Amino acid sequence: VAGSKPQLKAAGFKPMRVRAAPEPSDIEWENLHVPHSYRRKMRLFNGLAVLLVMAFSTLLQLVINLSQAEVARSLLSDADSSASASSSAEFVSQSASLAAAAITFISNWVLKRLCMILTKREKNATQTGYETGLYLKLAIAYSVNTCAVPLLARVIDSFRSNYFEGYTHEQDTFFGT
């Protein structure tokens, strides 16, 4: 049939995927012998290790946020809203925020070092593969650790303190109703 691609299977060959070869300077020659199954296992292990560090960071931030909320509530409820109790509660709140930011900074630093070491252990065939793998791990880890973890901690604290309990539809000014 005119215009059809020849079928290599008919001649007893297996189908193959063809890609452009990388630049010779991009190839990690010492890693060419490493099987793809090893790389897949290392990527899975690396993902789990990064997830473990992020889970530990999340746990620390949750503990700090929840304990900060409890201390502030107890300070404000024990003293009848005096100026010293209010300033103490503000100090506790600022200290907890600083501690949460320090934990985020330290865990991002640990994630960077860990991702660099673990991505090297994947033994990518090219430098581009290494850089792509490292970038993807760091982008996801930084996004989750810097944005999602503090948001999750605040949402859990809001539900724990019954913040949304007294909400009614009439209070909804966001949509102009």
Protein backbone atom coordinates (compact mmCIF):
# COMPACT_ATOMS: atom_id res chain seq x y z
CA VAL A 1 0.00 0.00 0.00
CA ALA A 2 1.45 3.35 -0.95
CA GLY A 3 2.40 5.69 1.91
CA SER A 4 2.26 3.09 4.66
CA LYS A 5 5.15 2.49 7.05
CA PRO A 6 6.96 -0.79 6.66
CA GLN A 7 6.28 -3.30 9.40
CA LEU A 8 9.52 -4.57 10.92
CA LYS A 9 7.58 -7.17 12.91
CA ALA A 10 6.76 -9.03 9.71
CA ALA A 11 10.46 -9.64 9.17
CA GLY A 12 10.85 -11.01 12.72
CA PHE A 13 12.18 -7.82 14.31
CA LYS A 14 10.84 -6.28 17.51
CA PRO A 15 9.58 -2.68 17.30
CA MET A 16 12.07 -0.15 18.59
CA ARG A 17 11.95 3.44 19.72
CA VAL A 18 14.42 5.81 18.11
CA ARG A 19 15.51 9.13 19.63
CA ALA A 20 18.16 11.67 18.81
CA ALA A 21 21.46 10.89 20.50
CA PRO A 22 22.62 13.25 23.26
CA GLU A 23 25.69 15.38 22.82
CA PRO A 24 28.87 13.46 23.72
CA SER A 25 29.76 16.03 26.39
CA ASP A 26 26.35 15.43 28.04
CA ILE A 27 26.82 11.68 28.41
CA GLU A 28 27.87 10.26 31.77
CA TRP A 29 29.98 7.47 30.31
CA GLU A 30 30.50 5.67 33.61
CA ASN A 31 26.71 5.30 34.04
CA LEU A 32 25.88 3.78 30.66
CA HIS A 33 26.09 0.22 32.00
CA VAL A 34 23.45 0.85 34.69
CA PRO A 35 20.15 -0.92 33.90
CA HIS A 36 16.88 1.03 33.77
CA SER A 37 15.43 -1.16 36.53
CA TYR A 38 18.11 0.14 38.94
CA ARG A 39 17.27 3.73 38.02
CA ARG A 40 13.55 3.11 38.57
CA LYS A 41 14.21 1.57 41.98
CA MET A 42 16.44 4.48 42.97
CA ARG A 43 13.83 7.03 41.83
CA LEU A 44 11.23 5.26 43.95
CA PHE A 45 13.58 5.16 46.95
CA ASN A 46 14.49 8.83 46.44
CA GLY A 47 10.84 9.82 46.29
CA LEU A 48 10.15 7.99 49.53
CA ALA A 49 13.16 9.59 51.24
CA VAL A 50 12.05 13.08 50.17
CA LEU A 51 8.51 12.28 51.30
CA LEU A 52 9.83 11.19 54.70
CA VAL A 53 11.73 14.46 55.19
CA MET A 54 8.65 16.46 54.18
CA ALA A 55 6.47 14.41 56.54
CA PHE A 56 8.87 15.11 59.41
CA SER A 57 8.83 18.82 58.57
CA THR A 58 5.04 18.77 58.42
CA LEU A 59 4.85 17.07 61.80
CA LEU A 60 7.16 19.63 63.39
CA GLN A 61 5.20 22.54 61.94
CA LEU A 62 1.91 21.04 63.08
CA VAL A 63 3.24 20.59 66.60
CA ILE A 64 4.49 24.18 66.69
CA ASN A 65 1.26 25.65 65.30
CA LEU A 66 -1.00 23.61 67.55
CA SER A 67 1.06 24.26 70.68
CA GLN A 68 1.24 27.97 69.83
CA ALA A 69 -2.53 28.11 69.53
CA GLU A 70 -3.00 26.28 72.84
CA VAL A 71 -0.54 28.53 74.71
CA ALA A 72 -2.11 31.69 73.27
CA ARG A 73 -5.61 30.49 74.18
CA SER A 74 -4.57 29.61 77.73
CA LEU A 75 -2.81 32.96 78.19
CA LEU A 76 -5.83 34.88 76.99
CA SER A 77 -8.34 32.82 78.97
CA ASP A 78 -6.36 32.76 82.25
CA ALA A 79 -5.81 36.48 82.41
CA ASP A 80 -8.94 38.48 81.74
CA SER A 81 -7.63 40.01 78.51
CA SER A 82 -5.14 42.18 80.29
CA ALA A 83 -2.48 44.04 78.35
CA SER A 84 0.31 41.78 79.62
CA ALA A 85 -1.58 38.63 78.62
CA SER A 86 -2.25 40.09 75.20
CA SER A 87 1.41 41.02 74.70
CA SER A 88 2.49 37.58 75.95
CA ALA A 89 0.13 35.91 73.51
CA GLU A 90 1.50 38.10 70.70
CA PHE A 91 5.07 37.18 71.69
CA VAL A 92 4.19 33.47 71.68
CA SER A 93 2.54 33.85 68.27
CA GLN A 94 5.55 35.67 66.79
CA SER A 95 7.96 33.13 68.29
CA ALA A 96 5.98 30.22 66.88
CA SER A 97 5.88 31.85 63.44
CA LEU A 98 9.64 32.34 63.56
CA ALA A 99 10.17 28.73 64.63
CA ALA A 100 7.93 27.48 61.79
CA ALA A 101 9.86 29.61 59.29
CA ALA A 102 13.16 28.27 60.65
CA ILE A 103 11.89 24.69 60.31
CA THR A 104 10.84 25.40 56.71
CA PHE A 105 14.26 26.89 55.94
CA ILE A 106 16.18 24.02 57.56
CA SER A 107 14.04 21.34 55.95
CA ASN A 108 14.43 23.01 52.52
CA TRP A 109 18.20 23.00 53.04
CA VAL A 110 18.10 19.31 54.04
CA LEU A 111 15.89 18.54 51.03
CA LYS A 112 18.34 20.27 48.69
CA ARG A 113 21.32 18.30 50.02
CA LEU A 114 19.37 15.04 50.10
CA CYS A 115 18.03 15.47 46.57
CA MET A 116 21.49 16.25 45.20
CA ILE A 117 23.00 13.16 46.80
CA LEU A 118 20.14 10.85 45.92
CA THR A 119 19.83 12.06 42.34
CA LYS A 120 23.54 11.35 41.83
CA ARG A 121 22.89 7.79 43.08
CA GLU A 122 20.29 7.31 40.35
CA LYS A 123 23.24 7.15 37.92
CA ASN A 124 21.51 8.95 35.05
CA ALA A 125 22.99 8.34 31.63
CA THR A 126 23.26 12.07 30.87
CA GLN A 127 23.97 15.27 32.75
CA THR A 128 20.66 16.60 31.42
CA GLY A 129 18.87 13.62 32.99
CA TYR A 130 20.53 14.37 36.33
CA GLU A 131 19.61 18.07 36.18
CA THR A 132 16.03 17.34 35.13
CA GLY A 133 15.57 14.80 37.92
CA LEU A 134 17.07 17.14 40.49
CA TYR A 135 14.93 20.07 39.33
CA LEU A 136 11.71 18.06 39.44
CA LYS A 137 12.42 16.73 42.94
CA LEU A 138 13.37 20.15 44.29
CA ALA A 139 10.49 22.00 42.64
CA ILE A 140 7.92 19.61 44.07
CA ALA A 141 9.58 19.40 47.49
CA TYR A 142 10.04 23.17 47.85
CA SER A 143 6.48 23.88 46.71
CA VAL A 144 4.97 21.41 49.13
CA ASN A 145 7.27 22.28 52.03
CA THR A 146 7.04 26.07 51.64
CA CYS A 147 3.38 26.48 50.62
CA ALA A 148 1.26 23.42 51.31
CA VAL A 149 2.67 22.43 54.71
CA PRO A 150 2.09 25.81 56.46
CA LEU A 151 -1.35 26.04 54.83
CA LEU A 152 -2.23 22.54 56.02
CA ALA A 153 -1.04 23.37 59.53
CA ARG A 154 -3.22 26.50 59.66
CA VAL A 155 -6.28 24.69 58.26
CA ILE A 156 -5.93 21.90 60.82
CA ASP A 157 -5.55 24.48 63.58
CA SER A 158 -8.63 26.33 62.32
CA PHE A 159 -10.76 23.18 62.39
CA ARG A 160 -9.31 22.17 65.75
CA SER A 161 -10.21 25.52 67.30
CA ASN A 162 -13.75 25.40 65.82
CA TYR A 163 -13.05 28.50 63.74
CA PHE A 164 -15.69 27.58 61.17
CA GLU A 165 -18.31 26.46 63.70
CA GLY A 166 -20.28 29.72 63.88
CA TYR A 167 -20.16 30.44 60.13
CA THR A 168 -23.46 31.15 58.43
CA HIS A 169 -24.28 31.77 54.78
CA GLU A 170 -25.29 35.37 55.56
CA GLN A 171 -21.67 36.13 56.54
CA ASP A 172 -20.44 35.23 53.05
CA THR A 173 -19.34 38.55 51.55
CA PHE A 174 -16.87 37.02 49.10
CA PHE A 175 -19.50 36.35 46.46
CA GLY A 176 -21.60 39.39 47.32
CA THR A 177 -24.50 37.49 48.80
